């Protein structure tokens, strides 16, 4: 019985140690979604085009794209998360997806500065595709 309790305690401690990276990545992804939705709404004409706001949101997206990788600590697919274990099983491919997102965010930031609406629509579309591809491969739909 004591061996079972010790095993359970060590298993719980292992899962608990990943709670912080999971919370971190959820927070980053929540902020990415918020800023992306604002940029997307302006690009689609669902919100008034405001260059100052567009640039602010694009700057945050670029910064958050760089921060996003920090929440993917090896083993943090355990616990309450939608991250699939495939992330760590094929880390180079996952990392390349994150790098694609980072490149899209940098491009979007540059386009936002220029204010070309057609280029902005294309950049938003590209980012949407990149995010969808990564989520399709590496995110479960339920906990």
N, C-alpha and C. Protein backbone atom coordinates (compact mmCIF):
# COMPACT_ATOMS: atom_id res chain seq x y z
N UNK A 1 0.82 -1.18 0.00
CA UNK A 1 0.00 0.00 0.00
C UNK A 1 0.87 1.26 0.00
N UNK A 2 1.93 1.24 0.80
CA UNK A 2 2.79 2.43 0.86
C UNK A 2 3.52 2.62 -0.47
N UNK A 3 3.84 1.54 -1.15
CA UNK A 3 4.48 1.67 -2.47
C UNK A 3 3.52 2.31 -3.46
N UNK A 4 2.26 1.93 -3.40
CA UNK A 4 1.25 2.51 -4.28
C UNK A 4 1.08 4.00 -3.99
N UNK A 5 1.05 4.35 -2.71
CA UNK A 5 0.94 5.76 -2.33
C UNK A 5 2.15 6.55 -2.79
N UNK A 6 3.33 5.99 -2.65
CA UNK A 6 4.55 6.67 -3.09
C UNK A 6 4.54 6.86 -4.60
N UNK A 7 4.10 5.83 -5.34
CA UNK A 7 4.02 5.94 -6.79
C UNK A 7 3.01 7.01 -7.19
N UNK A 8 1.83 7.01 -6.53
CA UNK A 8 0.81 8.00 -6.83
C UNK A 8 1.30 9.41 -6.54
N UNK A 9 1.99 9.59 -5.44
CA UNK A 9 2.52 10.91 -5.08
C UNK A 9 3.56 11.37 -6.08
N UNK A 10 4.42 10.46 -6.52
CA UNK A 10 5.44 10.85 -7.49
C UNK A 10 4.81 11.15 -8.85
N UNK A 11 3.79 10.40 -9.22
CA UNK A 11 3.08 10.67 -10.47
C UNK A 11 2.38 12.02 -10.41
N UNK A 12 1.72 12.31 -9.30
CA UNK A 12 1.04 13.60 -9.13
C UNK A 12 2.05 14.73 -9.18
N UNK A 13 3.20 14.58 -8.54
CA UNK A 13 4.24 15.62 -8.55
C UNK A 13 4.74 15.85 -9.97
N UNK A 14 4.86 14.79 -10.75
CA UNK A 14 5.33 14.92 -12.14
C UNK A 14 4.33 15.73 -12.96
N UNK A 15 3.05 15.44 -12.81
CA UNK A 15 2.02 16.18 -13.54
C UNK A 15 1.96 17.62 -13.04
N UNK A 16 2.04 17.81 -11.72
CA UNK A 16 1.95 19.15 -11.14
C UNK A 16 3.09 20.05 -11.62
N UNK A 17 4.25 19.49 -11.87
CA UNK A 17 5.38 20.33 -12.29
C UNK A 17 5.15 20.94 -13.68
N UNK A 18 4.20 20.41 -14.42
CA UNK A 18 3.91 20.94 -15.75
C UNK A 18 2.74 21.93 -15.74
N UNK A 19 2.15 22.16 -14.59
CA UNK A 19 1.02 23.09 -14.54
C UNK A 19 1.42 24.50 -14.97
N UNK A 20 2.58 24.97 -14.53
CA UNK A 20 3.01 26.33 -14.87
C UNK A 20 3.23 26.49 -16.37
N UNK A 21 3.98 25.59 -17.04
CA UNK A 21 4.13 25.75 -18.49
C UNK A 21 2.80 25.66 -19.23
N UNK A 22 1.88 24.84 -18.75
CA UNK A 22 0.56 24.73 -19.38
C UNK A 22 -0.20 26.04 -19.22
N UNK A 23 -0.18 26.61 -18.01
CA UNK A 23 -0.84 27.90 -17.78
C UNK A 23 -0.21 28.98 -18.65
N UNK A 24 1.11 28.96 -18.75
CA UNK A 24 1.82 29.95 -19.55
C UNK A 24 1.37 29.87 -21.01
N UNK A 25 1.38 28.67 -21.56
CA UNK A 25 1.04 28.55 -22.99
C UNK A 25 -0.42 28.87 -23.24
N UNK A 26 -1.30 28.54 -22.30
CA UNK A 26 -2.71 28.93 -22.45
C UNK A 26 -2.84 30.45 -22.46
N UNK A 27 -2.13 31.11 -21.57
CA UNK A 27 -2.19 32.57 -21.51
C UNK A 27 -1.68 33.19 -22.80
N UNK A 28 -0.56 32.69 -23.31
CA UNK A 28 0.01 33.22 -24.55
C UNK A 28 -0.97 32.98 -25.70
N UNK A 29 -1.52 31.79 -25.79
CA UNK A 29 -2.45 31.49 -26.88
C UNK A 29 -3.72 32.32 -26.78
N UNK A 30 -4.18 32.59 -25.57
CA UNK A 30 -5.36 33.45 -25.38
C UNK A 30 -5.06 34.85 -25.90
N UNK A 31 -3.88 35.37 -25.57
CA UNK A 31 -3.52 36.72 -26.04
C UNK A 31 -3.33 36.74 -27.56
N UNK A 32 -2.74 35.69 -28.10
CA UNK A 32 -2.58 35.61 -29.56
C UNK A 32 -3.96 35.67 -30.22
N UNK A 33 -4.89 34.88 -29.70
CA UNK A 33 -6.24 34.86 -30.28
C UNK A 33 -6.87 36.25 -30.23
N UNK A 34 -6.74 36.92 -29.12
CA UNK A 34 -7.33 38.26 -28.96
C UNK A 34 -6.78 39.24 -29.98
N UNK A 35 -5.46 39.29 -30.12
CA UNK A 35 -4.85 40.25 -31.05
C UNK A 35 -5.09 39.85 -32.50
N UNK A 36 -5.06 38.57 -32.78
CA UNK A 36 -5.35 38.08 -34.13
C UNK A 36 -6.77 38.46 -34.54
N UNK A 37 -7.73 38.26 -33.63
CA UNK A 37 -9.12 38.58 -33.96
C UNK A 37 -9.29 40.06 -34.29
N UNK A 38 -8.58 40.93 -33.61
CA UNK A 38 -8.67 42.36 -33.88
C UNK A 38 -8.10 42.69 -35.26
N UNK A 39 -6.94 42.13 -35.57
CA UNK A 39 -6.32 42.36 -36.88
C UNK A 39 -7.20 41.79 -37.98
N UNK A 40 -7.70 40.58 -37.77
CA UNK A 40 -8.54 39.92 -38.76
C UNK A 40 -9.82 40.72 -39.01
N UNK A 41 -10.43 41.24 -37.96
CA UNK A 41 -11.66 42.02 -38.12
C UNK A 41 -11.41 43.27 -38.96
N UNK A 42 -10.26 43.91 -38.74
CA UNK A 42 -9.94 45.09 -39.56
C UNK A 42 -9.68 44.69 -41.01
N UNK A 43 -8.97 43.59 -41.21
CA UNK A 43 -8.65 43.15 -42.57
C UNK A 43 -9.91 42.77 -43.34
N UNK A 44 -10.89 42.22 -42.64
CA UNK A 44 -12.13 41.78 -43.29
C UNK A 44 -13.20 42.87 -43.34
N UNK A 45 -12.89 44.04 -42.80
CA UNK A 45 -13.87 45.13 -42.80
C UNK A 45 -14.96 44.98 -41.75
N UNK A 46 -14.78 44.08 -40.81
CA UNK A 46 -15.77 43.89 -39.74
C UNK A 46 -15.55 44.88 -38.60
N UNK A 47 -14.39 45.51 -38.60
CA UNK A 47 -14.07 46.56 -37.64
C UNK A 47 -13.43 47.70 -38.43
N UNK A 48 -13.62 48.90 -37.94
CA UNK A 48 -13.04 50.06 -38.62
C UNK A 48 -11.52 49.95 -38.65
N UNK A 49 -10.95 50.29 -39.79
CA UNK A 49 -9.50 50.27 -39.93
C UNK A 49 -8.94 51.43 -39.12
N UNK A 50 -8.11 51.10 -38.17
CA UNK A 50 -7.45 52.08 -37.33
C UNK A 50 -5.97 51.72 -37.34
N UNK A 51 -5.17 52.48 -38.06
CA UNK A 51 -3.75 52.14 -38.25
C UNK A 51 -3.00 52.01 -36.93
N UNK A 52 -3.31 52.89 -35.99
CA UNK A 52 -2.61 52.83 -34.70
C UNK A 52 -2.93 51.51 -33.98
N UNK A 53 -4.22 51.17 -33.95
CA UNK A 53 -4.64 49.92 -33.31
C UNK A 53 -4.12 48.70 -34.08
N UNK A 54 -4.18 48.76 -35.38
CA UNK A 54 -3.67 47.67 -36.21
C UNK A 54 -2.20 47.42 -35.89
N UNK A 55 -1.41 48.47 -35.84
CA UNK A 55 0.01 48.32 -35.54
C UNK A 55 0.24 47.78 -34.14
N UNK A 56 -0.55 48.25 -33.19
CA UNK A 56 -0.42 47.75 -31.82
C UNK A 56 -0.69 46.26 -31.75
N UNK A 57 -1.78 45.83 -32.36
CA UNK A 57 -2.13 44.40 -32.35
C UNK A 57 -1.09 43.58 -33.11
N UNK A 58 -0.64 44.07 -34.24
CA UNK A 58 0.38 43.34 -35.01
C UNK A 58 1.69 43.23 -34.24
N UNK A 59 2.06 44.28 -33.53
CA UNK A 59 3.28 44.23 -32.71
C UNK A 59 3.16 43.18 -31.61
N UNK A 60 2.00 43.15 -30.96
CA UNK A 60 1.79 42.13 -29.93
C UNK A 60 1.84 40.73 -30.52
N UNK A 61 1.22 40.54 -31.68
CA UNK A 61 1.25 39.21 -32.31
C UNK A 61 2.67 38.77 -32.59
N UNK A 62 3.48 39.68 -33.08
CA UNK A 62 4.87 39.32 -33.38
C UNK A 62 5.60 38.94 -32.09
N UNK A 63 5.44 39.72 -31.05
CA UNK A 63 6.09 39.42 -29.77
C UNK A 63 5.59 38.09 -29.20
N UNK A 64 4.30 37.88 -29.22
CA UNK A 64 3.73 36.65 -28.68
C UNK A 64 4.12 35.42 -29.50
N UNK A 65 4.31 35.60 -30.80
CA UNK A 65 4.76 34.46 -31.62
C UNK A 65 6.12 33.97 -31.13
N UNK A 66 6.96 34.88 -30.69
CA UNK A 66 8.29 34.52 -30.17
C UNK A 66 8.18 33.87 -28.79
N UNK A 67 7.21 34.33 -27.99
CA UNK A 67 7.03 33.79 -26.64
C UNK A 67 6.33 32.43 -26.64
N UNK A 68 5.62 32.12 -27.69
CA UNK A 68 4.78 30.91 -27.70
C UNK A 68 5.57 29.63 -27.47
N UNK A 69 6.76 29.53 -27.96
CA UNK A 69 7.54 28.30 -27.85
C UNK A 69 7.92 27.99 -26.40
N UNK A 70 8.01 29.03 -25.57
CA UNK A 70 8.47 28.84 -24.19
C UNK A 70 7.52 28.02 -23.34
N UNK A 71 6.28 27.92 -23.72
CA UNK A 71 5.32 27.13 -22.95
C UNK A 71 5.33 25.65 -23.28
N UNK A 72 6.11 25.26 -24.26
CA UNK A 72 6.11 23.86 -24.68
C UNK A 72 7.32 23.14 -24.09
N UNK A 73 7.22 22.88 -22.79
CA UNK A 73 8.26 22.20 -22.04
C UNK A 73 8.07 20.70 -22.23
N UNK A 74 9.15 19.99 -22.48
CA UNK A 74 9.06 18.54 -22.67
C UNK A 74 8.29 17.91 -21.51
N UNK A 75 7.32 17.09 -21.85
CA UNK A 75 6.51 16.40 -20.85
C UNK A 75 5.24 17.13 -20.47
N UNK A 76 5.09 18.37 -20.93
CA UNK A 76 3.92 19.14 -20.51
C UNK A 76 2.68 18.83 -21.33
N UNK A 77 2.65 17.65 -21.92
CA UNK A 77 1.41 17.17 -22.54
C UNK A 77 0.58 16.42 -21.51
N UNK A 78 1.15 16.23 -20.32
CA UNK A 78 0.43 15.60 -19.22
C UNK A 78 -0.35 16.68 -18.49
N UNK A 79 -1.49 16.34 -17.95
CA UNK A 79 -2.28 17.32 -17.21
C UNK A 79 -3.40 17.84 -18.07
N UNK A 80 -4.00 18.94 -17.63
CA UNK A 80 -5.13 19.53 -18.34
C UNK A 80 -4.63 20.40 -19.48
N UNK A 81 -4.47 19.79 -20.61
CA UNK A 81 -3.95 20.48 -21.79
C UNK A 81 -4.52 19.86 -23.05
N UNK A 82 -4.54 20.65 -24.09
CA UNK A 82 -4.96 20.15 -25.40
C UNK A 82 -3.75 19.84 -26.28
N UNK A 83 -2.56 20.03 -25.74
CA UNK A 83 -1.34 19.73 -26.49
C UNK A 83 -1.19 18.22 -26.65
N UNK A 84 -0.97 17.80 -27.88
CA UNK A 84 -0.78 16.37 -28.15
C UNK A 84 0.68 15.99 -27.88
N UNK A 85 0.92 14.75 -27.47
CA UNK A 85 2.30 14.30 -27.23
C UNK A 85 3.15 14.31 -28.51
N UNK A 86 2.50 14.34 -29.67
CA UNK A 86 3.22 14.38 -30.93
C UNK A 86 4.14 15.60 -31.04
N UNK A 87 3.83 16.65 -30.29
CA UNK A 87 4.69 17.84 -30.29
C UNK A 87 6.12 17.42 -29.94
N UNK A 88 6.26 16.65 -28.87
CA UNK A 88 7.60 16.28 -28.39
C UNK A 88 8.14 15.06 -29.10
N UNK A 89 7.27 14.27 -29.69
CA UNK A 89 7.72 13.11 -30.45
C UNK A 89 8.33 13.54 -31.78
N UNK A 90 7.90 14.68 -32.32
CA UNK A 90 8.43 15.21 -33.57
C UNK A 90 8.74 16.69 -33.39
N UNK A 91 9.60 16.97 -32.40
CA UNK A 91 9.93 18.34 -32.05
C UNK A 91 10.43 19.17 -33.24
N UNK A 92 11.32 18.65 -34.10
CA UNK A 92 11.78 19.49 -35.22
C UNK A 92 10.65 19.96 -36.13
N UNK A 93 9.69 19.11 -36.40
CA UNK A 93 8.55 19.50 -37.25
C UNK A 93 7.68 20.53 -36.53
N UNK A 94 7.43 20.30 -35.24
CA UNK A 94 6.64 21.26 -34.46
C UNK A 94 7.36 22.61 -34.42
N UNK A 95 8.64 22.57 -34.14
CA UNK A 95 9.42 23.82 -34.08
C UNK A 95 9.34 24.56 -35.42
N UNK A 96 9.37 23.82 -36.52
CA UNK A 96 9.27 24.49 -37.83
C UNK A 96 7.90 25.15 -38.00
N UNK A 97 6.86 24.55 -37.43
CA UNK A 97 5.53 25.17 -37.48
C UNK A 97 5.53 26.49 -36.69
N UNK A 98 6.16 26.48 -35.51
CA UNK A 98 6.25 27.69 -34.70
C UNK A 98 7.06 28.76 -35.44
N UNK A 99 8.15 28.34 -36.08
CA UNK A 99 8.97 29.29 -36.84
C UNK A 99 8.20 29.88 -38.01
N UNK A 100 7.33 29.09 -38.62
CA UNK A 100 6.48 29.60 -39.70
C UNK A 100 5.51 30.65 -39.14
N UNK A 101 4.94 30.37 -37.99
CA UNK A 101 4.06 31.33 -37.33
C UNK A 101 4.82 32.62 -37.01
N UNK A 102 6.03 32.48 -36.50
CA UNK A 102 6.84 33.66 -36.19
C UNK A 102 7.12 34.48 -37.44
N UNK A 103 7.43 33.82 -38.54
CA UNK A 103 7.69 34.52 -39.81
C UNK A 103 6.42 35.21 -40.30
N UNK A 104 5.29 34.53 -40.19
CA UNK A 104 4.00 35.14 -40.57
C UNK A 104 3.71 36.38 -39.74
N UNK A 105 3.97 36.29 -38.43
CA UNK A 105 3.71 37.42 -37.54
C UNK A 105 4.64 38.60 -37.85
N UNK A 106 5.88 38.31 -38.17
CA UNK A 106 6.82 39.38 -38.53
C UNK A 106 6.37 40.05 -39.83
N UNK A 107 5.97 39.25 -40.79
CA UNK A 107 5.48 39.78 -42.07
C UNK A 107 4.22 40.62 -41.86
N UNK A 108 3.31 40.12 -41.04
CA UNK A 108 2.09 40.84 -40.74
C UNK A 108 2.40 42.20 -40.10
N UNK A 109 3.35 42.22 -39.19
CA UNK A 109 3.74 43.47 -38.53
C UNK A 109 4.26 44.48 -39.55
N UNK A 110 5.08 44.02 -40.49
CA UNK A 110 5.62 44.91 -41.52
C UNK A 110 4.51 45.42 -42.45
N UNK A 111 3.60 44.55 -42.81
CA UNK A 111 2.49 44.94 -43.68
C UNK A 111 1.57 45.93 -42.97
N UNK A 112 1.33 45.70 -41.69
CA UNK A 112 0.49 46.62 -40.91
C UNK A 112 1.08 48.03 -40.91
N UNK A 113 2.39 48.11 -40.82
CA UNK A 113 3.05 49.43 -40.86
C UNK A 113 2.78 50.14 -42.17
N UNK A 114 2.76 49.38 -43.27
CA UNK A 114 2.55 49.97 -44.58
C UNK A 114 1.09 50.33 -44.85
N UNK A 115 0.18 49.60 -44.23
CA UNK A 115 -1.24 49.92 -44.35
C UNK A 115 -1.92 49.46 -45.62
N UNK A 116 -1.30 48.59 -46.40
CA UNK A 116 -1.91 48.09 -47.63
C UNK A 116 -2.95 47.02 -47.27
N UNK A 117 -4.22 47.33 -47.48
CA UNK A 117 -5.31 46.45 -47.06
C UNK A 117 -5.27 45.09 -47.77
N UNK A 118 -5.00 45.08 -49.05
CA UNK A 118 -4.94 43.80 -49.78
C UNK A 118 -3.81 42.92 -49.26
N UNK A 119 -2.65 43.52 -49.02
CA UNK A 119 -1.52 42.76 -48.47
C UNK A 119 -1.85 42.28 -47.06
N UNK A 120 -2.57 43.09 -46.30
CA UNK A 120 -2.98 42.70 -44.95
C UNK A 120 -3.91 41.49 -45.00
N UNK A 121 -4.87 41.50 -45.93
CA UNK A 121 -5.78 40.37 -46.08
C UNK A 121 -5.00 39.08 -46.38
N UNK A 122 -4.03 39.18 -47.25
CA UNK A 122 -3.21 38.01 -47.60
C UNK A 122 -2.41 37.53 -46.40
N UNK A 123 -1.83 38.47 -45.66
CA UNK A 123 -1.04 38.10 -44.48
C UNK A 123 -1.89 37.43 -43.41
N UNK A 124 -3.10 37.95 -43.21
CA UNK A 124 -4.01 37.34 -42.24
C UNK A 124 -4.41 35.94 -42.70
N UNK A 125 -4.68 35.79 -43.97
CA UNK A 125 -5.03 34.49 -44.52
C UNK A 125 -3.89 33.49 -44.34
N UNK A 126 -2.67 33.93 -44.60
CA UNK A 126 -1.50 33.06 -44.42
C UNK A 126 -1.35 32.63 -42.97
N UNK A 127 -1.52 33.60 -42.05
CA UNK A 127 -1.39 33.28 -40.63
C UNK A 127 -2.50 32.32 -40.20
N UNK A 128 -3.70 32.53 -40.70
CA UNK A 128 -4.82 31.63 -40.38
C UNK A 128 -4.48 30.21 -40.80
N UNK A 129 -3.96 30.06 -41.99
CA UNK A 129 -3.59 28.73 -42.50
C UNK A 129 -2.49 28.10 -41.63
N UNK A 130 -1.49 28.87 -41.28
CA UNK A 130 -0.39 28.36 -40.45
C UNK A 130 -0.92 27.89 -39.10
N UNK A 131 -1.75 28.71 -38.46
CA UNK A 131 -2.31 28.34 -37.16
C UNK A 131 -3.17 27.09 -37.27
N UNK A 132 -4.02 27.03 -38.28
CA UNK A 132 -4.90 25.88 -38.46
C UNK A 132 -4.10 24.60 -38.67
N UNK A 133 -3.07 24.67 -39.51
CA UNK A 133 -2.24 23.48 -39.75
C UNK A 133 -1.61 22.97 -38.47
N UNK A 134 -1.08 23.88 -37.67
CA UNK A 134 -0.45 23.48 -36.41
C UNK A 134 -1.48 22.91 -35.44
N UNK A 135 -2.61 23.58 -35.32
CA UNK A 135 -3.65 23.08 -34.42
C UNK A 135 -4.20 21.73 -34.89
N UNK A 136 -4.36 21.55 -36.18
CA UNK A 136 -4.83 20.26 -36.69
C UNK A 136 -3.87 19.13 -36.32
N UNK A 137 -2.58 19.42 -36.38
CA UNK A 137 -1.57 18.39 -36.11
C UNK A 137 -1.27 18.19 -34.63
N UNK A 138 -1.35 19.26 -33.83
CA UNK A 138 -0.78 19.21 -32.50
C UNK A 138 -1.72 19.59 -31.35
N UNK A 139 -2.99 19.82 -31.64
CA UNK A 139 -3.93 20.19 -30.59
C UNK A 139 -5.14 19.29 -30.64
N UNK A 140 -5.53 18.75 -29.47
CA UNK A 140 -6.74 17.95 -29.41
C UNK A 140 -7.93 18.89 -29.29
N UNK A 141 -9.08 18.38 -29.61
CA UNK A 141 -10.28 19.22 -29.53
C UNK A 141 -10.92 19.19 -28.16
N UNK A 142 -10.45 18.30 -27.28
CA UNK A 142 -11.03 18.23 -25.94
C UNK A 142 -9.93 17.91 -24.93
N UNK A 143 -10.26 18.15 -23.68
CA UNK A 143 -9.31 17.83 -22.60
C UNK A 143 -9.41 16.39 -22.20
